Amino acid sequence: MEGNKALLDANAVLRFLLRDNEEQFIYIRKMVRTKSCYVTLEVMAEVCYVLEGLYQVSREDIISCFLGLKMEVA
């Protein structure tokens, strides 16, 4: 994407939500605060699959995380 826009991949969204790599979290947080960031439906599906399958996060918690994304990046 050009200029002040960014397309986030599943890894970026996961690092932001999980905050399991502080350096990557800080980088992504800075990006979402300074750019218009977009995530495709396919990426959100992949994030959901990873959170539920690998990290054993409940669907209710995943929904809460997804709903909180807009508030977090605003």
PDB file of N, CA and C in Angstrom:
ATOM      1  N   MET A   1       0.844  -1.163   0.000  1.00  0.00           N
ATOM      2  CA  MET A   1       0.000   0.000   0.000  1.00  0.00           C
ATOM      3  C   MET A   1       0.896   1.235   0.000  1.00  0.00           C
ATOM      4  N   GLU A   2       0.348   2.316  -0.396  1.00  0.00           N
ATOM      5  CA  GLU A   2       1.148   3.516  -0.568  1.00  0.00           C
ATOM      6  C   GLU A   2       0.953   4.510   0.565  1.00  0.00           C
ATOM      7  N   GLY A   3       1.905   5.423   0.685  1.00  0.00           N
ATOM      8  CA  GLY A   3       1.783   6.557   1.598  1.00  0.00           C
ATOM      9  C   GLY A   3       1.501   6.202   3.033  1.00  0.00           C
ATOM     10  N   ASN A   4       0.374   6.671   3.516  1.00  0.00           N
ATOM     11  CA  ASN A   4       0.022   6.527   4.921  1.00  0.00           C
ATOM     12  C   ASN A   4      -0.902   5.332   5.164  1.00  0.00           C
ATOM     13  N   LYS A   5      -0.787   4.307   4.345  1.00  0.00           N
ATOM     14  CA  LYS A   5      -1.623   3.121   4.481  1.00  0.00           C
ATOM     15  C   LYS A   5      -0.741   1.889   4.662  1.00  0.00           C
ATOM     16  N   ALA A   6      -1.256   0.909   5.398  1.00  0.00           N
ATOM     17  CA  ALA A   6      -0.519  -0.338   5.602  1.00  0.00           C
ATOM     18  C   ALA A   6      -1.503  -1.504   5.650  1.00  0.00           C
ATOM     19  N   LEU A   7      -1.133  -2.583   5.010  1.00  0.00           N
ATOM     20  CA  LEU A   7      -1.906  -3.816   5.039  1.00  0.00           C
ATOM     21  C   LEU A   7      -1.191  -4.769   5.990  1.00  0.00           C
ATOM     22  N   LEU A   8      -1.846  -5.124   7.082  1.00  0.00           N
ATOM     23  CA  LEU A   8      -1.229  -5.983   8.090  1.00  0.00           C
ATOM     24  C   LEU A   8      -1.449  -7.453   7.761  1.00  0.00           C
ATOM     25  N   ASP A   9      -0.430  -8.258   8.006  1.00  0.00           N
ATOM     26  CA  ASP A   9      -0.567  -9.697   7.820  1.00  0.00           C
ATOM     27  C   ASP A   9      -0.905 -10.346   9.165  1.00  0.00           C
ATOM     28  N   ALA A  10      -1.119 -11.657   9.147  1.00  0.00           N
ATOM     29  CA  ALA A  10      -1.529 -12.373  10.355  1.00  0.00           C
ATOM     30  C   ALA A  10      -0.471 -12.262  11.449  1.00  0.00           C
ATOM     31  N   ASN A  11       0.800 -12.330  11.081  1.00  0.00           N
ATOM     32  CA  ASN A  11       1.861 -12.236  12.081  1.00  0.00           C
ATOM     33  C   ASN A  11       1.807 -10.892  12.808  1.00  0.00           C
ATOM     34  N   ALA A  12       1.601  -9.826  12.077  1.00  0.00           N
ATOM     35  CA  ALA A  12       1.536  -8.499  12.698  1.00  0.00           C
ATOM     36  C   ALA A  12       0.359  -8.415  13.664  1.00  0.00           C
ATOM     37  N   VAL A  13      -0.792  -8.912  13.252  1.00  0.00           N
ATOM     38  CA  VAL A  13      -1.978  -8.870  14.119  1.00  0.00           C
ATOM     39  C   VAL A  13      -1.756  -9.730  15.362  1.00  0.00           C
ATOM     40  N   LEU A  14      -1.178 -10.918  15.181  1.00  0.00           N
ATOM     41  CA  LEU A  14      -0.918 -11.794  16.318  1.00  0.00           C
ATOM     42  C   LEU A  14       0.075 -11.172  17.289  1.00  0.00           C
ATOM     43  N   ARG A  15       1.153 -10.594  16.793  1.00  0.00           N
ATOM     44  CA  ARG A  15       2.140  -9.959  17.670  1.00  0.00           C
ATOM     45  C   ARG A  15       1.504  -8.813  18.449  1.00  0.00           C
ATOM     46  N   PHE A  16       0.609  -8.076  17.789  1.00  0.00           N
ATOM     47  CA  PHE A  16      -0.076  -6.964  18.441  1.00  0.00           C
ATOM     48  C   PHE A  16      -1.022  -7.468  19.527  1.00  0.00           C
ATOM     49  N   LEU A  17      -1.795  -8.485  19.224  1.00  0.00           N
ATOM     50  CA  LEU A  17      -2.764  -9.008  20.190  1.00  0.00           C
ATOM     51  C   LEU A  17      -2.096  -9.751  21.342  1.00  0.00           C
ATOM     52  N   LEU A  18      -1.102 -10.563  21.029  1.00  0.00           N
ATOM     53  CA  LEU A  18      -0.478 -11.412  22.043  1.00  0.00           C
ATOM     54  C   LEU A  18       0.606 -10.686  22.849  1.00  0.00           C
ATOM     55  N   ARG A  19       1.188  -9.685  22.238  1.00  0.00           N
ATOM     56  CA  ARG A  19       2.286  -8.925  22.854  1.00  0.00           C
ATOM     57  C   ARG A  19       3.352  -9.867  23.397  1.00  0.00           C
ATOM     58  N   ASP A  20       3.661 -10.908  22.625  1.00  0.00           N
ATOM     59  CA  ASP A  20       4.637 -11.911  23.045  1.00  0.00           C
ATOM     60  C   ASP A  20       6.053 -11.594  22.567  1.00  0.00           C
ATOM     61  N   ASN A  21       6.182 -10.587  21.734  1.00  0.00           N
ATOM     62  CA  ASN A  21       7.488 -10.099  21.299  1.00  0.00           C
ATOM     63  C   ASN A  21       7.427  -8.584  21.426  1.00  0.00           C
ATOM     64  N   GLU A  22       7.990  -8.072  22.507  1.00  0.00           N
ATOM     65  CA  GLU A  22       7.826  -6.655  22.851  1.00  0.00           C
ATOM     66  C   GLU A  22       8.331  -5.721  21.751  1.00  0.00           C
ATOM     67  N   GLU A  23       9.445  -6.065  21.138  1.00  0.00           N
ATOM     68  CA  GLU A  23       9.996  -5.228  20.070  1.00  0.00           C
ATOM     69  C   GLU A  23       9.038  -5.131  18.888  1.00  0.00           C
ATOM     70  N   GLN A  24       8.489  -6.281  18.463  1.00  0.00           N
ATOM     71  CA  GLN A  24       7.538  -6.286  17.354  1.00  0.00           C
ATOM     72  C   GLN A  24       6.239  -5.586  17.754  1.00  0.00           C
ATOM     73  N   PHE A  25       5.795  -5.790  18.990  1.00  0.00           N
ATOM     74  CA  PHE A  25       4.578  -5.133  19.456  1.00  0.00           C
ATOM     75  C   PHE A  25       4.715  -3.613  19.373  1.00  0.00           C
ATOM     76  N   ILE A  26       5.834  -3.094  19.851  1.00  0.00           N
ATOM     77  CA  ILE A  26       6.058  -1.646  19.831  1.00  0.00           C
ATOM     78  C   ILE A  26       6.077  -1.124  18.401  1.00  0.00           C
ATOM     79  N   TYR A  27       6.741  -1.847  17.511  1.00  0.00           N
ATOM     80  CA  TYR A  27       6.808  -1.436  16.105  1.00  0.00           C
ATOM     81  C   TYR A  27       5.413  -1.396  15.477  1.00  0.00           C
ATOM     82  N   ILE A  28       4.625  -2.442  15.708  1.00  0.00           N
ATOM     83  CA  ILE A  28       3.284  -2.524  15.116  1.00  0.00           C
ATOM     84  C   ILE A  28       2.354  -1.491  15.751  1.00  0.00           C
ATOM     85  N   ARG A  29       2.464  -1.288  17.064  1.00  0.00           N
ATOM     86  CA  ARG A  29       1.642  -0.279  17.732  1.00  0.00           C
ATOM     87  C   ARG A  29       1.921   1.105  17.151  1.00  0.00           C
ATOM     88  N   LYS A  30       3.192   1.414  16.923  1.00  0.00           N
ATOM     89  CA  LYS A  30       3.553   2.695  16.322  1.00  0.00           C
ATOM     90  C   LYS A  30       2.952   2.820  14.923  1.00  0.00           C
ATOM     91  N   MET A  31       3.002   1.715  14.174  1.00  0.00           N
ATOM     92  CA  MET A  31       2.459   1.726  12.818  1.00  0.00           C
ATOM     93  C   MET A  31       0.955   1.988  12.821  1.00  0.00           C
ATOM     94  N   VAL A  32       0.216   1.285  13.680  1.00  0.00           N
ATOM     95  CA  VAL A  32      -1.237   1.450  13.667  1.00  0.00           C
ATOM     96  C   VAL A  32      -1.665   2.809  14.212  1.00  0.00           C
ATOM     97  N   ARG A  33      -0.798   3.453  14.965  1.00  0.00           N
ATOM     98  CA  ARG A  33      -1.114   4.789  15.474  1.00  0.00           C
ATOM     99  C   ARG A  33      -0.791   5.889  14.465  1.00  0.00           C
ATOM    100  N   THR A  34       0.071   5.583  13.498  1.00  0.00           N
ATOM    101  CA  THR A  34       0.503   6.629  12.558  1.00  0.00           C
ATOM    102  C   THR A  34       0.017   6.397  11.132  1.00  0.00           C
ATOM    103  N   LYS A  35      -0.539   5.221  10.848  1.00  0.00           N
ATOM    104  CA  LYS A  35      -0.998   4.909   9.491  1.00  0.00           C
ATOM    105  C   LYS A  35      -2.429   4.384   9.526  1.00  0.00           C
ATOM    106  N   SER A  36      -3.061   4.417   8.381  1.00  0.00           N
ATOM    107  CA  SER A  36      -4.353   3.763   8.216  1.00  0.00           C
ATOM    108  C   SER A  36      -4.066   2.304   7.906  1.00  0.00           C
ATOM    109  N   CYS A  37      -4.337   1.434   8.860  1.00  0.00           N
ATOM    110  CA  CYS A  37      -4.009   0.020   8.702  1.00  0.00           C
ATOM    111  C   CYS A  37      -5.256  -0.783   8.331  1.00  0.00           C
ATOM    112  N   TYR A  38      -5.047  -1.741   7.468  1.00  0.00           N
ATOM    113  CA  TYR A  38      -6.121  -2.601   6.982  1.00  0.00           C
ATOM    114  C   TYR A  38      -5.738  -4.054   7.181  1.00  0.00           C
ATOM    115  N   VAL A  39      -6.764  -4.883   7.406  1.00  0.00           N
ATOM    116  CA  VAL A  39      -6.580  -6.317   7.559  1.00  0.00           C
ATOM    117  C   VAL A  39      -7.656  -6.999   6.724  1.00  0.00           C
ATOM    118  N   THR A  40      -7.267  -7.973   5.931  1.00  0.00           N
ATOM    119  CA  THR A  40      -8.239  -8.683   5.108  1.00  0.00           C
ATOM    120  C   THR A  40      -9.017  -9.699   5.946  1.00  0.00           C
ATOM    121  N   LEU A  41     -10.141 -10.107   5.427  1.00  0.00           N
ATOM    122  CA  LEU A  41     -10.947 -11.125   6.089  1.00  0.00           C
ATOM    123  C   LEU A  41     -10.168 -12.434   6.218  1.00  0.00           C
ATOM    124  N   GLU A  42      -9.371 -12.750   5.201  1.00  0.00           N
ATOM    125  CA  GLU A  42      -8.564 -13.979   5.229  1.00  0.00           C
ATOM    126  C   GLU A  42      -7.538 -13.934   6.367  1.00  0.00           C
ATOM    127  N   VAL A  43      -6.959 -12.768   6.587  1.00  0.00           N
ATOM    128  CA  VAL A  43      -6.001 -12.620   7.680  1.00  0.00           C
ATOM    129  C   VAL A  43      -6.710 -12.790   9.020  1.00  0.00           C
ATOM    130  N   MET A  44      -7.878 -12.197   9.172  1.00  0.00           N
ATOM    131  CA  MET A  44      -8.612 -12.344  10.427  1.00  0.00           C
ATOM    132  C   MET A  44      -8.981 -13.809  10.678  1.00  0.00           C
ATOM    133  N   ALA A  45      -9.332 -14.529   9.616  1.00  0.00           N
ATOM    134  CA  ALA A  45      -9.647 -15.955   9.756  1.00  0.00           C
ATOM    135  C   ALA A  45      -8.410 -16.729  10.199  1.00  0.00           C
ATOM    136  N   GLU A  46      -7.258 -16.394   9.640  1.00  0.00           N
ATOM    137  CA  GLU A  46      -6.014 -17.065  10.023  1.00  0.00           C
ATOM    138  C   GLU A  46      -5.657 -16.759  11.475  1.00  0.00           C
ATOM    139  N   VAL A  47      -5.823 -15.515  11.879  1.00  0.00           N
ATOM    140  CA  VAL A  47      -5.555 -15.126  13.262  1.00  0.00           C
ATOM    141  C   VAL A  47      -6.472 -15.903  14.208  1.00  0.00           C
ATOM    142  N   CYS A  48      -7.734 -16.001  13.857  1.00  0.00           N
ATOM    143  CA  CYS A  48      -8.697 -16.749  14.664  1.00  0.00           C
ATOM    144  C   CYS A  48      -8.274 -18.220  14.773  1.00  0.00           C
ATOM    145  N   TYR A  49      -7.881 -18.806  13.651  1.00  0.00           N
ATOM    146  CA  TYR A  49      -7.444 -20.212  13.622  1.00  0.00           C
ATOM    147  C   TYR A  49      -6.238 -20.423  14.531  1.00  0.00           C
ATOM    148  N   VAL A  50      -5.267 -19.533  14.466  1.00  0.00           N
ATOM    149  CA  VAL A  50      -4.054 -19.660  15.275  1.00  0.00           C
ATOM    150  C   VAL A  50      -4.363 -19.451  16.754  1.00  0.00           C
ATOM    151  N   LEU A  51      -5.135 -18.429  17.071  1.00  0.00           N
ATOM    152  CA  LEU A  51      -5.466 -18.169  18.472  1.00  0.00           C
ATOM    153  C   LEU A  51      -6.220 -19.339  19.093  1.00  0.00           C
ATOM    154  N   GLU A  52      -7.173 -19.863  18.352  1.00  0.00           N
ATOM    155  CA  GLU A  52      -7.986 -20.962  18.886  1.00  0.00           C
ATOM    156  C   GLU A  52      -7.209 -22.272  18.916  1.00  0.00           C
ATOM    157  N   GLY A  53      -6.501 -22.572  17.850  1.00  0.00           N
ATOM    158  CA  GLY A  53      -5.827 -23.863  17.747  1.00  0.00           C
ATOM    159  C   GLY A  53      -4.517 -23.950  18.512  1.00  0.00           C
ATOM    160  N   LEU A  54      -3.655 -22.970  18.331  1.00  0.00           N
ATOM    161  CA  LEU A  54      -2.319 -23.022  18.930  1.00  0.00           C
ATOM    162  C   LEU A  54      -2.291 -22.468  20.350  1.00  0.00           C
ATOM    163  N   TYR A  55      -2.992 -21.358  20.568  1.00  0.00           N
ATOM    164  CA  TYR A  55      -2.943 -20.686  21.867  1.00  0.00           C
ATOM    165  C   TYR A  55      -4.117 -21.037  22.776  1.00  0.00           C
ATOM    166  N   GLN A  56      -5.053 -21.859  22.286  1.00  0.00           N
ATOM    167  CA  GLN A  56      -6.200 -22.314  23.068  1.00  0.00           C
ATOM    168  C   GLN A  56      -7.035 -21.154  23.632  1.00  0.00           C
ATOM    169  N   VAL A  57      -7.175 -20.093  22.852  1.00  0.00           N
ATOM    170  CA  VAL A  57      -7.989 -18.941  23.250  1.00  0.00           C
ATOM    171  C   VAL A  57      -9.443 -19.259  22.899  1.00  0.00           C
ATOM    172  N   SER A  58     -10.353 -18.961  23.813  1.00  0.00           N
ATOM    173  CA  SER A  58     -11.771 -19.252  23.564  1.00  0.00           C
ATOM    174  C   SER A  58     -12.311 -18.339  22.465  1.00  0.00           C
ATOM    175  N   ARG A  59     -13.358 -18.788  21.814  1.00  0.00           N
ATOM    176  CA  ARG A  59     -13.982 -17.976  20.765  1.00  0.00           C
ATOM    177  C   ARG A  59     -14.504 -16.656  21.320  1.00  0.00           C
ATOM    178  N   GLU A  60     -15.023 -16.691  22.537  1.00  0.00           N
ATOM    179  CA  GLU A  60     -15.522 -15.464  23.154  1.00  0.00           C
ATOM    180  C   GLU A  60     -14.387 -14.450  23.339  1.00  0.00           C
ATOM    181  N   ASP A  61     -13.226 -14.933  23.772  1.00  0.00           N
ATOM    182  CA  ASP A  61     -12.084 -14.040  23.954  1.00  0.00           C
ATOM    183  C   ASP A  61     -11.553 -13.529  22.612  1.00  0.00           C
ATOM    184  N   ILE A  62     -11.612 -14.368  21.592  1.00  0.00           N
ATOM    185  CA  ILE A  62     -11.177 -13.939  20.261  1.00  0.00           C
ATOM    186  C   ILE A  62     -12.095 -12.833  19.754  1.00  0.00           C
ATOM    187  N   ILE A  63     -13.389 -13.011  19.941  1.00  0.00           N
ATOM    188  CA  ILE A  63     -14.344 -11.978  19.529  1.00  0.00           C
ATOM    189  C   ILE A  63     -14.061 -10.676  20.263  1.00  0.00           C
ATOM    190  N   SER A  64     -13.803 -10.760  21.554  1.00  0.00           N
ATOM    191  CA  SER A  64     -13.483  -9.564  22.335  1.00  0.00           C
ATOM    192  C   SER A  64     -12.227  -8.883  21.806  1.00  0.00           C
ATOM    193  N   CYS A  65     -11.213  -9.682  21.471  1.00  0.00           N
ATOM    194  CA  CYS A  65      -9.970  -9.127  20.903  1.00  0.00           C
ATOM    195  C   CYS A  65     -10.257  -8.418  19.587  1.00  0.00           C
ATOM    196  N   PHE A  66     -11.034  -9.048  18.728  1.00  0.00           N
ATOM    197  CA  PHE A  66     -11.334  -8.459  17.421  1.00  0.00           C
ATOM    198  C   PHE A  66     -12.135  -7.166  17.571  1.00  0.00           C
ATOM    199  N   LEU A  67     -13.105  -7.169  18.479  1.00  0.00           N
ATOM    200  CA  LEU A  67     -13.902  -5.968  18.693  1.00  0.00           C
ATOM    201  C   LEU A  67     -13.052  -4.848  19.292  1.00  0.00           C
ATOM    202  N   GLY A  68     -12.072  -5.211  20.099  1.00  0.00           N
ATOM    203  CA  GLY A  68     -11.203  -4.233  20.719  1.00  0.00           C
ATOM    204  C   GLY A  68     -10.168  -3.650  19.770  1.00  0.00           C
ATOM    205  N   LEU A  69      -9.934  -4.291  18.639  1.00  0.00           N
ATOM    206  CA  LEU A  69      -8.925  -3.801  17.704  1.00  0.00           C
ATOM    207  C   LEU A  69      -9.224  -2.397  17.230  1.00  0.00           C
ATOM    208  N   LYS A  70     -10.445  -2.133  16.876  1.00  0.00           N
ATOM    209  CA  LYS A  70     -10.786  -0.812  16.364  1.00  0.00           C
ATOM    210  C   LYS A  70     -10.526   0.244  17.429  1.00  0.00           C
ATOM    211  N   MET A  71     -10.883  -0.037  18.649  1.00  0.00           N
ATOM    212  CA  MET A  71     -10.657   0.902  19.738  1.00  0.00           C
ATOM    213  C   MET A  71      -9.173   1.073  20.010  1.00  0.00           C
ATOM    214  N   GLU A  72      -8.407  -0.003  19.910  1.00  0.00           N
ATOM    215  CA  GLU A  72      -6.991   0.044  20.202  1.00  0.00           C
ATOM    216  C   GLU A  72      -6.212   0.860  19.192  1.00  0.00           C
ATOM    217  N   VAL A  73      -6.605   0.794  17.926  1.00  0.00           N
ATOM    218  CA  VAL A  73      -5.852   1.494  16.886  1.00  0.00           C
ATOM    219  C   VAL A  73      -6.372   2.895  16.649  1.00  0.00           C
ATOM    220  N   ALA A  74      -7.482   3.260  17.254  1.00  0.00           N
ATOM    221  CA  ALA A  74      -8.052   4.596  17.022  1.00  0.00           C
ATOM    222  C   ALA A  74      -7.282   5.679  17.733  1.00  0.00           C
TER     223      ALA A  74
END
